[in-house]
Amino acid sequence: MTAILIIAAAIVLLVLGYVFYGSWLAKQWGIDPSRKTPAVELEDGVDYVAAKPAVLMGHHFSSIAGAGPINGPIQASVFGWLPVFLWCVIGGIFFGGLQDFGSLFASIRHGGKSVGEIIKDSMGSRAKKLFIIFALLVLILVIASFVNVVAGTFASTNAFGFTTNPLGTETTAIISLLFIVLAIIYGVVTNRFGVKTLPATIGGIVGIVLMLVLGLNVGFAMGRVAWIVAIGAYITIASLVPVWILLQPRDYLSSFLLYAMMVVAIVGIIFSAFAGTATFDMPVFTSWSTKIGNLFPALFITVACGACSGFHSLISTGTSSKQLASEKDAKPIGYGSMLIESALGIVALIAVGMVYATYTEGGFGSPSAAFAAGIATMFGTSDTAVYGTVYALLTLAVSVFALTSLDTGTRLSRFMFSELFLKEGEATYKDAKGIRKVLAYPLTGTLLMVVVGCILGGLSLSQIWGLFGAANQLLAGIALLAVAAWLGNVGKNNKMFYIPMAFMLIATITSLVMTVITKIKMVAAASAQWGDWFQLLFAAAMVVLAIILVIEGIQTFLRIAKKKAA
């Protein structure tokens, strides 16, 4: 019954947060459904494409989710369920939801431009350039983290090719490949043949079911390195094609997998509570200090996307703001999606609680595997057909979301890399001159980010995730700072940003400084591997960039205060 009470309390609190706090934010900022959005005013058929609310909700939620709200809460569960529960709920309502909604709103008031443009508007061009460099470093970690997750989920020890009686990884791999084909078909029939959303959606769901049936009987085997190369090629192409061909339909269809996954999980929680098929045995609280560090700052870094994530601000201002058809949809898409993700984080927490002893003893290869096993255990033992089916469905859902985040993250890196080399008044690479034109060319930045990200994807997930968590949360603090500065400049209430902004900056800079100190000690002891050197240099660079941006932000807030006083 503990699991039922945890999920029920989370849902009630998150719904209350959406209804009351989310509505208050919309009123404070002046959401105006009568204003034309960038997707309508600047429609170009490639990046600026107005999407129906359900389709955009699917894209936005699938992109921000990825494997984050599953991996993070599960890794942080070593502190016990109460700290993770509190941070997912409080962080989602007052930190993550605020950042996502605020970033989306600020972007649509800046022509669908990135956080960099919002920073430029309030803090100047130098701060914009520094932020873009900072964001690109975070996006490299996003690509590396999710390439690692997906390649590990797909990798097989069998010989290359199609297999019968497939392993779980082989089933997940072939269904994910077929999912890409299905998304392209959906995009073409809805955008070029005029098929309405409802019949196309029904057809897409039927297609997903057929793919699941096929994947449970036929798989595809390939090694981890080969998958890293294949994934790199895929995300390169996916980031360059028009959004209606792959990004919108893929994310929309994948959202149904997520909804199904959450329904299955909640049914499993209720079923196991009354049938006794699984027991939630995670302690309420374990210790202030665990194998992943001290509760502060480790908890707030590790949970990441389940409570607050800087990557979300890049999605809000990079792709979602270019597809928003009406400002009235900003609240459900920007704020609502974050709260659903917090609920998913709680579901992940409950799932690992069902197999907690095995997880803490290292019995699973990854948090994703523990998540799938935990929910599958609610329905039966590991030797039953229902266990295998549920496990396959959940593993597939995690890999699909990780791929979705990779698609979007690579597209975002393309936008921001090009933006870094454009001067004032230059809209695209075509307006630039000389070497800047080459560097701003879409393929240049895409290839560079993908190659570096895939190489780093060869590191172990634990080496990447800790650094990704800190960098990602630091990005959240800077995004909160950027939106707060802009709102202050235009005379709107920004006081709700002060505490979340300060807390995220302090927690993440503390974590990165601790990483730098640890790695320096390893270098001094001559025990550092190349991954340790990477973490040292990366963390040091992030700290320096963040401190400079914080100083710029403080100066901006002081200017705003003087302006108001005058």
Protein backbone atom coordinates (compact mmCIF):
# COMPACT_ATOMS: atom_id res chain seq x y z
CA MET A 1 0.00 0.00 0.00
CA THR A 2 2.99 2.31 0.44
CA ALA A 3 3.46 2.49 -3.33
CA ILE A 4 -0.21 3.42 -3.88
CA LEU A 5 -0.01 6.20 -1.30
CA ILE A 6 3.19 7.58 -2.84
CA ILE A 7 1.81 7.77 -6.39
CA ALA A 8 -1.59 9.08 -5.23
CA ALA A 9 0.00 11.85 -3.16
CA ALA A 10 2.28 12.80 -6.05
CA ILE A 11 -0.56 13.02 -8.57
CA VAL A 12 -2.75 15.12 -6.26
CA LEU A 13 0.04 17.58 -5.46
CA LEU A 14 1.16 17.90 -9.08
CA VAL A 15 -2.40 18.50 -10.29
CA LEU A 16 -2.89 21.18 -7.64
CA GLY A 17 0.38 22.78 -8.72
CA TYR A 18 -0.76 22.87 -12.34
CA VAL A 19 -4.21 24.27 -11.59
CA PHE A 20 -3.20 26.95 -9.11
CA TYR A 21 0.48 27.85 -9.51
CA GLY A 22 0.59 27.31 -13.27
CA SER A 23 -2.50 29.49 -13.78
CA TRP A 24 -1.05 32.18 -11.53
CA LEU A 25 2.16 32.25 -13.59
CA ALA A 26 0.19 32.58 -16.83
CA LYS A 27 -1.73 35.53 -15.37
CA GLN A 28 1.42 37.23 -14.01
CA TRP A 29 3.22 37.07 -17.35
CA GLY A 30 0.25 37.99 -19.53
CA ILE A 31 -0.33 34.95 -21.74
CA ASP A 32 -2.33 36.30 -24.70
CA PRO A 33 -4.12 33.82 -27.02
CA SER A 34 -4.89 36.65 -29.48
CA ARG A 35 -1.19 37.23 -30.33
CA LYS A 36 0.28 35.49 -33.35
CA THR A 37 3.04 33.05 -32.46
CA PRO A 38 6.35 32.69 -34.37
CA ALA A 39 5.11 29.38 -35.84
CA VAL A 40 2.33 31.32 -37.58
CA GLU A 41 4.19 34.51 -38.45
CA LEU A 42 7.48 32.93 -39.56
CA GLU A 43 6.24 29.61 -41.02
CA ASP A 44 8.91 28.13 -43.33
CA GLY A 45 7.94 24.46 -43.65
CA VAL A 46 11.22 23.28 -42.10
CA ASP A 47 11.67 24.52 -38.51
CA TYR A 48 8.77 26.97 -38.07
CA VAL A 49 5.73 24.73 -38.49
CA ALA A 50 2.56 25.30 -36.43
CA ALA A 51 1.51 22.00 -34.86
CA LYS A 52 -1.76 20.88 -33.33
CA PRO A 53 -1.61 20.99 -29.51
CA ALA A 54 -1.71 17.18 -29.12
CA VAL A 55 1.10 16.73 -31.65
CA LEU A 56 3.26 19.44 -30.07
CA MET A 57 2.55 18.05 -26.61
CA GLY A 58 3.83 14.68 -27.83
CA HIS A 59 6.96 16.24 -29.32
CA HIS A 60 7.73 18.41 -26.31
CA PHE A 61 7.10 15.78 -23.68
CA SER A 62 8.93 13.00 -25.52
CA SER A 63 11.90 15.31 -26.06
CA ILE A 64 12.23 16.53 -22.49
CA ALA A 65 11.68 13.07 -21.01
CA GLY A 66 14.30 10.90 -22.64
CA ALA A 67 15.82 8.50 -20.14
CA GLY A 68 16.32 11.29 -17.59
CA PRO A 69 13.26 10.95 -15.32
CA ILE A 70 13.94 7.20 -15.13
CA ASN A 71 17.72 7.11 -14.68
CA GLY A 72 17.91 10.07 -12.28
CA PRO A 73 15.35 9.13 -9.59
CA ILE A 74 16.50 5.50 -9.65
CA GLN A 75 20.15 6.44 -9.07
CA ALA A 76 19.10 8.90 -6.34
CA SER A 77 16.98 6.21 -4.63
CA VAL A 78 20.04 5.28 -2.56
CA PHE A 79 18.95 8.17 -0.28
CA GLY A 80 15.54 6.54 0.27
CA TRP A 81 12.18 7.30 -1.29
CA LEU A 82 11.19 10.40 0.72
CA PRO A 83 14.00 12.75 -0.44
CA VAL A 84 13.43 11.78 -4.07
CA PHE A 85 9.65 12.12 -3.73
CA LEU A 86 9.90 15.59 -2.18
CA TRP A 87 12.37 16.88 -4.75
CA CYS A 88 10.39 15.51 -7.73
CA VAL A 89 7.18 17.15 -6.51
CA ILE A 90 8.54 20.43 -5.12
CA GLY A 91 11.17 20.73 -7.83
CA GLY A 92 8.67 19.98 -10.60
CA ILE A 93 6.11 22.55 -9.44
CA PHE A 94 8.34 25.44 -8.34
CA PHE A 95 11.63 24.87 -10.21
CA GLY A 96 11.35 22.76 -13.37
CA GLY A 97 7.84 23.81 -14.36
CA LEU A 98 8.71 27.47 -13.78
CA GLN A 99 11.81 27.19 -15.97
CA ASP A 100 10.13 25.29 -18.81
CA PHE A 101 7.03 27.50 -18.94
CA GLY A 102 9.06 30.71 -18.55
CA SER A 103 11.55 29.73 -21.24
CA LEU A 104 8.81 28.80 -23.70
CA PHE A 105 6.95 32.07 -23.06
CA ALA A 106 10.11 34.18 -23.38
CA SER A 107 11.03 32.45 -26.63
CA ILE A 108 7.67 32.98 -28.32
CA ARG A 109 8.00 36.67 -27.41
CA HIS A 110 11.45 36.62 -29.12
CA GLY A 111 10.42 35.16 -32.47
CA GLY A 112 11.01 31.55 -31.41
CA LYS A 113 14.67 32.27 -30.72
CA SER A 114 16.92 30.48 -28.20
CA VAL A 115 17.79 31.34 -24.61
CA GLY A 116 20.88 32.98 -26.10
CA GLU A 117 18.73 35.62 -27.78
CA ILE A 118 16.77 36.16 -24.57
CA ILE A 119 20.07 36.70 -22.75
CA LYS A 120 21.26 39.09 -25.46
CA ASP A 121 18.07 41.14 -25.09
CA SER A 122 18.64 41.70 -21.37
CA MET A 123 22.34 41.02 -20.70
CA GLY A 124 24.15 41.81 -23.96
CA SER A 125 25.94 40.08 -26.86
CA ARG A 126 28.93 38.83 -24.85
CA ALA A 127 26.67 37.04 -22.39
CA LYS A 128 24.81 35.50 -25.34
CA LYS A 129 28.02 34.08 -26.84
CA LEU A 130 29.12 32.69 -23.47
CA PHE A 131 25.75 31.08 -22.94
CA ILE A 132 25.79 29.43 -26.37
CA ILE A 133 29.23 27.94 -25.64
CA PHE A 134 27.93 26.74 -22.28
CA ALA A 135 24.79 25.24 -23.86
CA LEU A 136 26.81 23.45 -26.56
CA LEU A 137 28.96 21.83 -23.86
CA VAL A 138 25.77 20.61 -22.17
CA LEU A 139 24.39 19.32 -25.48
CA ILE A 140 27.58 17.32 -26.05
CA LEU A 141 26.89 15.60 -22.71
CA VAL A 142 23.24 15.07 -23.68
CA ILE A 143 24.29 13.36 -26.90
CA ALA A 144 26.96 11.31 -25.12
CA SER A 145 24.61 10.24 -22.29
CA PHE A 146 21.73 9.16 -24.48
CA VAL A 147 23.94 7.54 -27.14
CA ASN A 148 25.36 5.50 -24.27
CA VAL A 149 21.89 4.58 -23.00
CA VAL A 150 20.48 3.65 -26.41
CA ALA A 151 23.53 1.70 -27.58
CA GLY A 152 23.55 -0.22 -24.31
CA THR A 153 19.82 -0.94 -24.66
CA PHE A 154 20.23 -2.22 -28.25
CA ALA A 155 23.57 -4.05 -28.03
CA SER A 156 23.60 -7.83 -28.48
CA THR A 157 26.22 -10.54 -28.11
CA ASN A 158 24.73 -12.54 -31.00
CA ALA A 159 26.08 -12.43 -34.54
CA PHE A 160 25.06 -9.51 -36.76
CA GLY A 161 21.65 -9.85 -38.43
CA PHE A 162 18.05 -10.85 -37.83
CA THR A 163 17.30 -13.38 -35.11
CA THR A 164 14.40 -15.55 -34.03
CA ASN A 165 13.64 -16.08 -30.34
CA PRO A 166 15.29 -12.67 -29.84
CA LEU A 167 16.94 -11.34 -26.71
CA GLY A 168 15.26 -8.36 -25.10
CA THR A 169 17.85 -5.97 -26.55
CA GLU A 170 17.30 -7.38 -30.05
CA THR A 171 13.53 -6.96 -29.72
CA THR A 172 13.96 -3.36 -28.59
CA ALA A 173 16.34 -2.63 -31.45
CA ILE A 174 14.12 -3.83 -34.29
CA ILE A 175 10.99 -2.20 -32.89
CA SER A 176 12.85 1.10 -32.54
CA LEU A 177 14.00 0.89 -36.15
CA LEU A 178 10.48 0.14 -37.35
CA PHE A 179 9.21 3.03 -35.23
CA ILE A 180 11.30 5.44 -37.31
CA VAL A 181 9.73 4.09 -40.51
CA LEU A 182 6.24 4.38 -39.02
CA ALA A 183 6.89 8.01 -38.00
CA ILE A 184 7.98 8.95 -41.52
CA ILE A 185 4.84 7.35 -42.96
CA TYR A 186 2.69 9.24 -40.44
CA GLY A 187 4.40 12.54 -41.28
CA VAL A 188 3.92 12.09 -45.02
CA VAL A 189 0.25 11.02 -44.91
CA THR A 190 -0.75 13.84 -42.53
CA ASN A 191 1.30 16.64 -44.07
CA ARG A 192 1.29 15.76 -47.75
CA PHE A 193 -1.89 13.71 -48.26
CA GLY A 194 -4.10 15.61 -45.83
CA VAL A 195 -5.12 12.66 -43.63
CA LYS A 196 -6.75 13.99 -40.43
CA THR A 197 -5.06 13.59 -37.06
CA LEU A 198 -7.59 11.15 -35.54
CA PRO A 199 -7.57 8.45 -38.27
CA ALA A 200 -3.80 8.84 -38.68
CA THR A 201 -3.35 8.44 -34.92
CA ILE A 202 -5.50 5.31 -34.85
CA GLY A 203 -3.45 3.91 -37.73
CA GLY A 204 -0.23 4.82 -35.91
CA ILE A 205 -1.32 3.07 -32.70
CA VAL A 206 -2.28 -0.04 -34.69
CA GLY A 207 1.15 0.13 -36.32
CA ILE A 208 2.83 0.29 -32.90
CA VAL A 209 0.93 -2.80 -31.74
CA LEU A 210 1.91 -4.72 -34.89
CA MET A 211 5.55 -3.71 -34.41
CA LEU A 212 5.45 -4.97 -30.83
CA VAL A 213 4.07 -8.34 -31.96
CA LEU A 214 6.73 -8.62 -34.68
CA GLY A 215 9.54 -7.56 -32.34
CA LEU A 216 8.65 -10.21 -29.78
CA ASN A 217 9.25 -12.86 -32.44
CA VAL A 218 12.00 -11.40 -34.65
CA GLY A 219 14.95 -9.30 -33.46
CA PHE A 220 18.00 -7.56 -34.86
CA ALA A 221 21.49 -8.15 -33.45
CA MET A 222 24.46 -5.78 -33.56
CA GLY A 223 27.31 -4.90 -31.20
CA ARG A 224 27.54 -1.77 -29.03
CA VAL A 225 30.17 0.07 -31.09
CA ALA A 226 28.27 -0.60 -34.31
CA TRP A 227 25.13 0.79 -32.69
CA ILE A 228 26.97 3.95 -31.62
CA VAL A 229 27.99 4.52 -35.25
CA ALA A 230 24.48 3.78 -36.54
CA ILE A 231 22.86 6.06 -33.97
CA GLY A 232 25.30 8.84 -34.89
CA ALA A 233 24.35 8.54 -38.56
CA TYR A 234 20.65 8.52 -37.73
CA ILE A 235 20.65 11.62 -35.49
CA THR A 236 22.72 13.51 -38.07
CA ILE A 237 20.06 12.94 -40.72
CA ALA A 238 17.14 13.42 -38.31
CA SER A 239 18.43 16.82 -37.21
CA LEU A 240 18.60 18.15 -40.78
CA VAL A 241 15.30 17.05 -42.34
CA PRO A 242 12.11 19.19 -41.95
CA VAL A 243 10.39 18.69 -38.59
CA TRP A 244 7.16 17.39 -40.14
CA ILE A 245 8.93 14.41 -41.75
CA LEU A 246 10.32 12.83 -38.59
CA LEU A 247 10.56 15.00 -35.47
CA GLN A 248 6.88 15.91 -35.02
CA PRO A 249 5.36 12.52 -35.96
CA ARG A 250 7.97 10.44 -34.17
CA ASP A 251 7.63 12.37 -30.93
CA TYR A 252 3.84 12.43 -31.16
CA LEU A 253 3.58 8.67 -31.69
CA SER A 254 6.21 7.93 -29.05
CA SER A 255 4.15 9.89 -26.51
CA PHE A 256 1.52 7.14 -26.72
CA LEU A 257 4.17 4.65 -25.67
CA LEU A 258 4.87 6.81 -22.66
CA TYR A 259 1.21 7.15 -21.75
CA ALA A 260 0.84 3.37 -22.10
CA MET A 261 3.95 2.84 -19.99
CA MET A 262 2.60 5.05 -17.19
CA VAL A 263 -0.82 3.37 -17.31
CA VAL A 264 0.80 -0.07 -17.17
CA ALA A 265 2.91 1.08 -14.22
CA ILE A 266 -0.05 2.46 -12.25
CA VAL A 267 -2.10 -0.68 -12.97
CA GLY A 268 0.86 -2.75 -11.82
CA ILE A 269 1.20 -0.75 -8.61
CA ILE A 270 -2.48 -1.30 -7.77
CA PHE A 271 -2.44 -4.94 -8.85
CA SER A 272 0.69 -5.82 -6.87
CA ALA A 273 -0.64 -4.08 -3.75
CA PHE A 274 -3.73 -6.29 -3.64
CA ALA A 275 -2.37 -9.48 -5.26
CA GLY A 276 0.93 -9.45 -3.40
CA THR A 277 3.00 -10.11 -6.55
CA ALA A 278 5.65 -7.55 -5.56
CA THR A 279 6.59 -5.59 -2.45
CA PHE A 280 7.85 -2.02 -2.22
CA ASP A 281 10.81 -2.38 0.13
CA MET A 282 12.75 0.87 -0.29
CA PRO A 283 13.47 2.60 3.04
CA VAL A 284 12.02 6.04 3.71
CA PHE A 285 15.50 7.48 4.25
CA THR A 286 18.91 5.81 4.29
CA SER A 287 21.71 8.26 5.02
CA TRP A 288 22.90 11.82 4.42
CA SER A 289 25.95 10.38 2.68
CA THR A 290 25.83 7.54 0.13
CA LYS A 291 27.93 6.07 -2.68
CA ILE A 292 26.84 8.91 -5.00
CA GLY A 293 27.79 11.63 -2.49
CA ASN A 294 26.20 13.79 0.17
CA LEU A 295 22.47 14.52 -0.05
CA PHE A 296 23.39 18.12 -0.85
CA PRO A 297 24.21 18.57 -3.65
CA ALA A 298 24.04 14.99 -5.00
CA LEU A 299 20.25 14.52 -4.73
CA PHE A 300 19.47 17.70 -6.66
CA ILE A 301 22.01 16.90 -9.35
CA THR A 302 21.21 13.21 -9.80
CA VAL A 303 17.40 13.38 -10.03
CA ALA A 304 17.86 15.87 -12.89
CA CYS A 305 14.95 15.68 -15.37
CA GLY A 306 12.52 14.31 -12.78
CA ALA A 307 12.47 17.71 -11.05
CA CYS A 308 14.35 20.33 -13.08
CA SER A 309 16.49 20.19 -16.21
CA GLY A 310 18.29 22.88 -18.17
CA PHE A 311 17.95 20.78 -21.31
CA HIS A 312 14.21 21.52 -21.18
CA SER A 313 14.87 25.23 -21.64
CA LEU A 314 16.77 24.46 -24.84
CA ILE A 315 13.87 22.39 -26.16
CA SER A 316 11.30 25.01 -25.14
CA THR A 317 13.22 27.74 -26.95
CA GLY A 318 14.73 25.62 -29.73
CA THR A 319 11.95 23.53 -31.26
CA SER A 320 8.70 23.82 -29.28
CA SER A 321 8.46 27.62 -29.53
CA LYS A 322 8.75 27.30 -33.31
CA GLN A 323 5.73 24.95 -33.42
CA LEU A 324 3.38 26.56 -30.88
CA ALA A 325 0.18 27.56 -32.70
CA SER A 326 -1.32 29.64 -29.85
CA GLU A 327 -0.07 31.17 -26.61
CA LYS A 328 -2.91 29.48 -24.74
CA ASP A 329 -1.12 26.16 -25.33
CA ALA A 330 2.06 27.38 -23.59
CA LYS A 331 0.87 26.42 -20.11
CA PRO A 332 -0.14 22.77 -20.80
CA ILE A 333 2.88 22.19 -23.03
CA GLY A 334 5.53 24.11 -21.07
CA TYR A 335 4.31 23.66 -17.49
CA GLY A 336 2.11 20.57 -17.79
CA SER A 337 4.75 18.45 -19.53
CA MET A 338 7.22 19.05 -16.71
CA LEU A 339 4.70 17.93 -14.10
CA ILE A 340 3.94 14.74 -16.06
CA GLU A 341 7.67 14.12 -16.14
CA SER A 342 7.83 14.53 -12.37
CA ALA A 343 5.06 11.93 -12.11
CA LEU A 344 7.14 9.63 -14.31
CA GLY A 345 10.06 10.17 -11.93
CA ILE A 346 7.85 9.00 -9.05
CA VAL A 347 6.77 5.96 -11.10
CA ALA A 348 10.45 5.12 -11.68
CA LEU A 349 11.09 5.48 -7.95
CA ILE A 350 8.30 3.02 -7.14
CA ALA A 351 9.48 0.61 -9.85
CA VAL A 352 12.99 0.32 -8.42
CA GLY A 353 11.47 -0.04 -4.96
CA MET A 354 9.96 -3.34 -6.11
CA VAL A 355 13.43 -4.75 -6.86
CA TYR A 356 15.42 -2.58 -4.47
CA ALA A 357 17.59 -5.28 -2.92
CA THR A 358 18.66 -6.58 -6.33
CA TYR A 359 19.31 -3.04 -7.58
CA THR A 360 21.49 -2.00 -4.63
CA GLU A 361 23.48 -5.22 -5.00
CA GLY A 362 24.27 -4.32 -8.63
CA GLY A 363 21.91 -6.88 -10.13
CA PHE A 364 20.95 -4.73 -13.14
CA GLY A 365 23.09 -3.46 -15.97
CA SER A 366 21.43 -0.04 -15.98
CA PRO A 367 18.72 1.98 -14.19
CA SER A 368 16.51 1.47 -17.25
CA ALA A 369 16.74 -2.29 -16.81
CA ALA A 370 15.86 -1.94 -13.12
CA PHE A 371 12.86 0.20 -14.06
CA ALA A 372 11.56 -2.34 -16.57
CA ALA A 373 12.19 -5.25 -14.20
CA GLY A 374 10.50 -3.47 -11.29
CA ILE A 375 7.26 -2.86 -13.15
CA ALA A 376 7.30 -6.27 -14.86
CA THR A 377 7.72 -7.87 -11.42
CA MET A 378 4.41 -6.34 -10.37
CA PHE A 379 2.66 -8.60 -12.90
CA GLY A 380 4.50 -11.87 -12.38
CA THR A 381 7.80 -13.69 -11.95
CA SER A 382 10.62 -13.44 -14.48
CA ASP A 383 9.79 -16.82 -16.04
CA THR A 384 6.26 -15.83 -17.11
CA ALA A 385 5.13 -14.55 -20.53
CA VAL A 386 3.46 -11.46 -19.07
CA TYR A 387 6.73 -10.47 -17.38
CA GLY A 388 8.62 -10.75 -20.69
CA THR A 389 6.00 -8.75 -22.59
CA VAL A 390 5.85 -5.93 -20.02
CA TYR A 391 9.65 -5.85 -19.76
CA ALA A 392 9.99 -5.57 -23.55
CA LEU A 393 7.38 -2.79 -23.74
CA LEU A 394 9.05 -0.73 -21.04
CA THR A 395 12.57 -1.19 -22.37
CA LEU A 396 11.31 -0.12 -25.79
CA ALA A 397 9.65 2.99 -24.33
CA VAL A 398 12.87 4.06 -22.58
CA SER A 399 14.94 3.61 -25.75
CA VAL A 400 12.37 5.48 -27.86
CA PHE A 401 12.47 8.45 -25.50
CA ALA A 402 16.25 8.46 -25.40
CA LEU A 403 16.31 8.48 -29.21
CA THR A 404 13.78 11.31 -29.22
CA SER A 405 15.98 13.41 -26.94
CA LEU A 406 18.91 12.64 -29.22
CA ASP A 407 16.96 13.82 -32.30
CA THR A 408 15.96 17.06 -30.62
CA GLY A 409 19.29 17.64 -28.88
CA THR A 410 21.20 17.32 -32.14
CA ARG A 411 18.82 19.71 -33.92
CA LEU A 412 19.25 22.19 -31.06
CA SER A 413 23.03 21.94 -31.32
CA ARG A 414 22.72 22.72 -35.05
CA PHE A 415 20.75 25.90 -34.31
CA MET A 416 23.08 27.07 -31.56
CA PHE A 417 26.36 26.20 -33.28
CA SER A 418 25.31 28.22 -36.33
CA GLU A 419 24.11 31.08 -34.13
CA LEU A 420 27.54 31.27 -32.50
CA PHE A 421 29.16 32.40 -35.78
CA LEU A 422 26.51 34.79 -37.08
CA LYS A 423 26.88 38.53 -36.64
CA GLU A 424 24.16 41.06 -35.90
CA GLY A 425 21.72 41.19 -38.81
CA GLU A 426 22.73 37.81 -40.27
CA ALA A 427 19.73 35.47 -40.23
CA THR A 428 21.32 32.28 -41.66
CA TYR A 429 24.67 30.93 -42.81
CA LYS A 430 23.87 32.33 -46.30
CA ASP A 431 24.32 35.85 -44.93
CA ALA A 432 27.75 35.13 -43.38
CA LYS A 433 31.11 35.54 -45.13
CA GLY A 434 34.30 33.47 -45.39
CA ILE A 435 35.09 30.91 -42.72
CA ARG A 436 32.08 32.00 -40.67
CA LYS A 437 29.82 30.86 -43.49
CA VAL A 438 31.43 27.40 -43.41
CA LEU A 439 31.20 27.15 -39.63
CA ALA A 440 27.58 28.35 -39.59
CA TYR A 441 26.59 25.84 -42.30
CA PRO A 442 24.08 23.40 -40.69
CA LEU A 443 26.03 20.24 -41.51
CA THR A 444 29.27 21.55 -39.97
CA GLY A 445 27.97 21.96 -36.44
CA THR A 446 25.84 18.83 -36.65
CA LEU A 447 28.76 16.59 -37.63
CA LEU A 448 31.10 18.08 -35.04
CA MET A 449 28.61 17.68 -32.18
CA VAL A 450 27.61 14.16 -33.23
CA VAL A 451 31.18 12.90 -33.63
CA VAL A 452 32.34 14.31 -30.28
CA GLY A 453 29.16 13.14 -28.53
CA CYS A 454 29.43 9.61 -29.91
CA ILE A 455 33.10 9.33 -28.95
CA LEU A 456 32.26 10.38 -25.40
CA GLY A 457 29.34 7.94 -25.50
CA GLY A 458 31.96 5.22 -25.24
CA LEU A 459 32.54 6.18 -21.60
CA SER A 460 30.60 4.39 -18.89
CA LEU A 461 27.23 5.95 -18.05
CA SER A 462 28.29 6.68 -14.46
CA GLN A 463 31.21 8.81 -15.71
CA ILE A 464 28.96 10.84 -18.01
CA TRP A 465 25.78 11.06 -15.94
CA GLY A 466 27.23 12.77 -12.87
CA LEU A 467 28.83 15.44 -15.04
CA PHE A 468 25.73 15.72 -17.22
CA GLY A 469 23.53 16.16 -14.15
CA ALA A 470 25.62 19.02 -12.76
CA ALA A 471 26.04 20.75 -16.13
CA ASN A 472 22.37 20.28 -16.93
CA GLN A 473 21.20 21.71 -13.62
CA LEU A 474 23.64 24.59 -13.93
CA LEU A 475 22.11 25.34 -17.30
CA ALA A 476 18.72 25.39 -15.56
CA GLY A 477 19.99 27.99 -13.11
CA ILE A 478 21.28 30.16 -15.96
CA ALA A 479 18.03 29.75 -17.93
CA LEU A 480 16.08 30.85 -14.84
CA LEU A 481 18.42 33.84 -14.54
CA ALA A 482 17.92 34.73 -18.23
CA VAL A 483 14.12 34.63 -18.11
CA ALA A 484 14.05 36.52 -14.80
CA ALA A 485 16.28 39.26 -16.26
CA TRP A 486 14.10 39.59 -19.35
CA LEU A 487 10.86 39.71 -17.35
CA GLY A 488 12.39 42.39 -15.13
CA ASN A 489 13.42 44.42 -18.15
CA VAL A 490 9.91 44.38 -19.61
CA GLY A 491 8.32 45.24 -16.29
CA LYS A 492 6.71 41.88 -15.43
CA ASN A 493 6.81 40.05 -12.10
CA ASN A 494 9.99 37.95 -11.85
CA LYS A 495 10.30 37.46 -8.10
CA MET A 496 9.19 33.81 -8.32
CA PHE A 497 12.52 33.08 -10.07
CA TYR A 498 14.86 34.30 -7.33
CA ILE A 499 14.92 31.30 -4.96
CA PRO A 500 14.92 28.56 -7.67
CA MET A 501 17.63 30.42 -9.60
CA ALA A 502 19.89 30.91 -6.58
CA PHE A 503 19.39 27.35 -5.30
CA MET A 504 20.17 25.71 -8.66
CA LEU A 505 23.28 27.83 -9.20
CA ILE A 506 24.64 27.16 -5.70
CA ALA A 507 23.94 23.41 -5.79
CA THR A 508 25.42 22.85 -9.23
CA ILE A 509 28.50 25.02 -8.88
CA THR A 510 29.18 23.25 -5.57
CA SER A 511 28.91 19.86 -7.31
CA LEU A 512 31.20 20.87 -10.17
CA VAL A 513 33.81 22.32 -7.81
CA MET A 514 33.74 19.08 -5.82
CA THR A 515 34.32 17.17 -9.08
CA VAL A 516 37.27 19.41 -9.96
CA ILE A 517 38.86 18.89 -6.52
CA THR A 518 38.39 15.10 -6.71
CA LYS A 519 39.90 14.87 -10.18
CA ILE A 520 42.85 17.10 -9.26
CA LYS A 521 43.63 14.71 -6.39
CA MET A 522 43.52 11.78 -8.83
CA VAL A 523 45.87 13.59 -11.21
CA ALA A 524 48.26 14.35 -8.35
CA ALA A 525 48.19 10.68 -7.35
CA ALA A 526 48.90 9.65 -10.99
CA SER A 527 45.73 7.49 -11.02
CA ALA A 528 43.68 9.53 -13.51
CA GLN A 529 42.39 7.86 -16.67
CA TRP A 530 41.44 9.81 -19.81
CA GLY A 531 37.82 9.92 -18.62
CA ASP A 532 38.98 11.61 -15.40
CA TRP A 533 40.93 14.20 -17.37
CA PHE A 534 37.84 14.86 -19.47
CA GLN A 535 35.69 15.33 -16.38
CA LEU A 536 38.27 17.66 -14.81
CA LEU A 537 38.62 19.93 -17.83
CA PHE A 538 34.91 19.90 -18.62
CA ALA A 539 33.84 20.69 -15.06
CA ALA A 540 36.42 23.48 -14.73
CA ALA A 541 35.28 25.08 -17.99
CA MET A 542 31.63 24.94 -16.90
CA VAL A 543 32.40 26.57 -13.54
CA VAL A 544 34.32 29.45 -15.16
CA LEU A 545 31.61 30.08 -17.77
CA ALA A 546 28.86 29.90 -15.17
CA ILE A 547 30.55 32.35 -12.80
CA ILE A 548 31.04 34.86 -15.62
CA LEU A 549 27.39 34.54 -16.64
CA VAL A 550 26.23 34.90 -13.02
CA ILE A 551 28.27 38.10 -12.66
CA GLU A 552 26.70 39.41 -15.88
CA GLY A 553 23.29 38.51 -14.48
CA ILE A 554 23.88 40.26 -11.17
CA GLN A 555 24.95 43.39 -13.03
CA THR A 556 21.75 43.18 -15.09
CA PHE A 557 19.57 42.87 -11.99
CA LEU A 558 21.36 45.88 -10.45
CA ARG A 559 20.68 47.92 -13.59
CA ILE A 560 17.00 46.92 -13.46
CA ALA A 561 16.82 47.92 -9.79
CA LYS A 562 18.40 51.33 -10.50
CA LYS A 563 16.00 51.85 -13.39
CA LYS A 564 13.01 51.10 -11.17
CA ALA A 565 14.35 53.36 -8.41
CA ALA A 566 14.77 56.20 -10.89
